[in-house]
Amino acid sequence: MVELINHYLHIDESIFSNCLNSADNVLYVYYPNESKLLITPVSNEFFKNIHKCSSTFLKQKNAKGVRVFQIANILLDNEMSLDDRPLVFEADHLSSILTVKFN
């Protein structure tokens, strides 16, 4: 499950380990026209080459392995709702890209 809670993106451990290969350092890019956030391990050179991305560190929130990172700036810059909610996502294990949809 991927959720927005208190302006933080919460990523379940199973998605973190299977899709993001347990990488604490990740790259991300938000595409406002499509209302989607793409996340991948920092080691994904192909992603780096085709997207203008930023990097961040996923922090472990609890003993269940949930990882979080703060996305308030993305939400505010794009005038999106700050309400807590589950988010639609697609985990591509082959390319190691997690796509989170905000619409």
C-alpha atoms as a PDB file:
ATOM      1  CA  MET A   1       0.000   0.000   0.000  1.00  0.00           C
ATOM      2  CA  VAL A   2       1.063   3.587  -0.680  1.00  0.00           C
ATOM      3  CA  GLU A   3      -0.560   6.328   1.386  1.00  0.00           C
ATOM      4  CA  LEU A   4      -0.333  10.039   1.978  1.00  0.00           C
ATOM      5  CA  ILE A   5      -0.241  10.748   5.730  1.00  0.00           C
ATOM      6  CA  ASN A   6       0.651  14.161   7.187  1.00  0.00           C
ATOM      7  CA  HIS A   7       2.304  15.276   3.933  1.00  0.00           C
ATOM      8  CA  TYR A   8       4.505  12.158   3.869  1.00  0.00           C
ATOM      9  CA  LEU A   9       4.365   9.424   1.297  1.00  0.00           C
ATOM     10  CA  HIS A  10       4.208   6.063   3.135  1.00  0.00           C
ATOM     11  CA  ILE A  11       5.460   3.027   1.198  1.00  0.00           C
ATOM     12  CA  ASP A  12       4.858  -0.481   2.565  1.00  0.00           C
ATOM     13  CA  GLU A  13       7.875  -2.702   3.111  1.00  0.00           C
ATOM     14  CA  SER A  14       6.800  -5.227   0.442  1.00  0.00           C
ATOM     15  CA  ILE A  15       6.749  -2.512  -2.239  1.00  0.00           C
ATOM     16  CA  PHE A  16       9.981  -1.040  -0.902  1.00  0.00           C
ATOM     17  CA  SER A  17      11.818  -4.353  -1.039  1.00  0.00           C
ATOM     18  CA  ASN A  18      10.303  -5.798  -4.232  1.00  0.00           C
ATOM     19  CA  CYS A  19       9.965  -2.755  -6.459  1.00  0.00           C
ATOM     20  CA  LEU A  20      12.635  -0.409  -5.118  1.00  0.00           C
ATOM     21  CA  ASN A  21      15.103  -3.199  -4.292  1.00  0.00           C
ATOM     22  CA  SER A  22      15.354  -1.982  -0.667  1.00  0.00           C
ATOM     23  CA  ALA A  23      17.177   1.149  -1.834  1.00  0.00           C
ATOM     24  CA  ASP A  24      17.055   3.885   0.802  1.00  0.00           C
ATOM     25  CA  ASN A  25      18.382   6.459  -1.661  1.00  0.00           C
ATOM     26  CA  VAL A  26      15.915   7.086  -4.459  1.00  0.00           C
ATOM     27  CA  LEU A  27      15.325   9.366  -7.413  1.00  0.00           C
ATOM     28  CA  TYR A  28      11.932  10.906  -8.013  1.00  0.00           C
ATOM     29  CA  VAL A  29      10.161  13.146 -10.483  1.00  0.00           C
ATOM     30  CA  TYR A  30       6.635  14.543 -10.482  1.00  0.00           C
ATOM     31  CA  TYR A  31       4.755  15.126 -13.736  1.00  0.00           C
ATOM     32  CA  PRO A  32       1.885  17.558 -13.058  1.00  0.00           C
ATOM     33  CA  ASN A  33       0.167  17.029 -16.417  1.00  0.00           C
ATOM     34  CA  GLU A  34      -0.253  13.360 -15.592  1.00  0.00           C
ATOM     35  CA  SER A  35      -0.570  13.832 -11.801  1.00  0.00           C
ATOM     36  CA  LYS A  36       1.982  11.135 -11.165  1.00  0.00           C
ATOM     37  CA  LEU A  37       5.137  10.716  -9.145  1.00  0.00           C
ATOM     38  CA  LEU A  38       7.818   8.281 -10.328  1.00  0.00           C
ATOM     39  CA  ILE A  39      10.263   6.787  -7.818  1.00  0.00           C
ATOM     40  CA  THR A  40      13.235   4.513  -8.488  1.00  0.00           C
ATOM     41  CA  PRO A  41      16.506   3.491  -6.792  1.00  0.00           C
ATOM     42  CA  VAL A  42      19.321   6.021  -7.236  1.00  0.00           C
ATOM     43  CA  SER A  43      21.279   3.314  -9.097  1.00  0.00           C
ATOM     44  CA  ASN A  44      18.837   3.464 -12.048  1.00  0.00           C
ATOM     45  CA  GLU A  45      21.077   5.213 -14.609  1.00  0.00           C
ATOM     46  CA  PHE A  46      18.504   4.971 -17.407  1.00  0.00           C
ATOM     47  CA  PHE A  47      15.943   6.841 -15.287  1.00  0.00           C
ATOM     48  CA  LYS A  48      18.538   9.515 -14.491  1.00  0.00           C
ATOM     49  CA  ASN A  49      19.233  10.033 -18.170  1.00  0.00           C
ATOM     50  CA  ILE A  50      15.634  10.456 -19.332  1.00  0.00           C
ATOM     51  CA  HIS A  51      14.072  12.390 -16.422  1.00  0.00           C
ATOM     52  CA  LYS A  52      14.966  15.645 -14.706  1.00  0.00           C
ATOM     53  CA  CYS A  53      14.825  14.132 -11.234  1.00  0.00           C
ATOM     54  CA  SER A  54      15.719  14.848  -7.635  1.00  0.00           C
ATOM     55  CA  SER A  55      17.038  12.479  -5.028  1.00  0.00           C
ATOM     56  CA  THR A  56      15.935  11.797  -1.482  1.00  0.00           C
ATOM     57  CA  PHE A  57      16.443   9.366   1.342  1.00  0.00           C
ATOM     58  CA  LEU A  58      13.590   7.075   2.370  1.00  0.00           C
ATOM     59  CA  LYS A  59      13.393   6.938   6.152  1.00  0.00           C
ATOM     60  CA  GLN A  60      12.184   3.863   7.984  1.00  0.00           C
ATOM     61  CA  LYS A  61       9.082   4.864   9.954  1.00  0.00           C
ATOM     62  CA  ASN A  62       8.394   1.784  12.040  1.00  0.00           C
ATOM     63  CA  ALA A  63       9.327  -1.823  12.803  1.00  0.00           C
ATOM     64  CA  LYS A  64       7.060  -3.009   9.962  1.00  0.00           C
ATOM     65  CA  GLY A  65       9.529  -1.486   7.489  1.00  0.00           C
ATOM     66  CA  VAL A  66       7.273   1.284   6.173  1.00  0.00           C
ATOM     67  CA  ARG A  67       9.394   3.894   4.374  1.00  0.00           C
ATOM     68  CA  VAL A  68       8.461   7.572   4.172  1.00  0.00           C
ATOM     69  CA  PHE A  69       9.480  10.784   2.535  1.00  0.00           C
ATOM     70  CA  GLN A  70       8.073  14.262   2.785  1.00  0.00           C
ATOM     71  CA  ILE A  71       6.218  15.516  -0.309  1.00  0.00           C
ATOM     72  CA  ALA A  72       4.525  18.671   1.003  1.00  0.00           C
ATOM     73  CA  ASN A  73       6.448  20.798  -1.498  1.00  0.00           C
ATOM     74  CA  ILE A  74       5.098  18.748  -4.430  1.00  0.00           C
ATOM     75  CA  LEU A  75       1.556  18.935  -3.061  1.00  0.00           C
ATOM     76  CA  LEU A  76       1.682  22.678  -2.394  1.00  0.00           C
ATOM     77  CA  ASP A  77       3.473  23.620  -5.630  1.00  0.00           C
ATOM     78  CA  ASN A  78       0.824  21.773  -7.625  1.00  0.00           C
ATOM     79  CA  GLU A  79      -2.172  22.875  -5.528  1.00  0.00           C
ATOM     80  CA  MET A  80      -3.098  19.307  -4.607  1.00  0.00           C
ATOM     81  CA  SER A  81      -5.110  18.204  -1.614  1.00  0.00           C
ATOM     82  CA  LEU A  82      -3.130  17.743   1.592  1.00  0.00           C
ATOM     83  CA  ASP A  83      -5.703  15.290   2.955  1.00  0.00           C
ATOM     84  CA  ASP A  84      -4.510  11.909   4.208  1.00  0.00           C
ATOM     85  CA  ARG A  85      -5.555   9.158   1.825  1.00  0.00           C
ATOM     86  CA  PRO A  86      -4.531   5.898   0.163  1.00  0.00           C
ATOM     87  CA  LEU A  87      -3.006   6.459  -3.262  1.00  0.00           C
ATOM     88  CA  VAL A  88      -3.276   4.505  -6.474  1.00  0.00           C
ATOM     89  CA  PHE A  89       0.093   3.103  -7.464  1.00  0.00           C
ATOM     90  CA  GLU A  90       1.768   0.804  -9.950  1.00  0.00           C
ATOM     91  CA  ALA A  91       4.893  -1.115  -8.951  1.00  0.00           C
ATOM     92  CA  ASP A  92       6.968  -2.184 -11.947  1.00  0.00           C
ATOM     93  CA  HIS A  93       9.375  -4.768 -10.557  1.00  0.00           C
ATOM     94  CA  LEU A  94      11.251  -5.217 -13.849  1.00  0.00           C
ATOM     95  CA  SER A  95      12.214  -1.564 -14.240  1.00  0.00           C
ATOM     96  CA  SER A  96      12.227  -0.861 -10.466  1.00  0.00           C
ATOM     97  CA  ILE A  97       9.901   2.118 -10.871  1.00  0.00           C
ATOM     98  CA  LEU A  98       7.087   2.921  -8.489  1.00  0.00           C
ATOM     99  CA  THR A  99       4.412   5.168 -10.071  1.00  0.00           C
ATOM    100  CA  VAL A 100       2.094   6.958  -7.659  1.00  0.00           C
ATOM    101  CA  LYS A 101      -1.034   8.636  -9.037  1.00  0.00           C
ATOM    102  CA  PHE A 102      -2.619  11.652  -7.381  1.00  0.00           C
ATOM    103  CA  ASN A 103      -5.812  12.114  -9.429  1.00  0.00           C
END
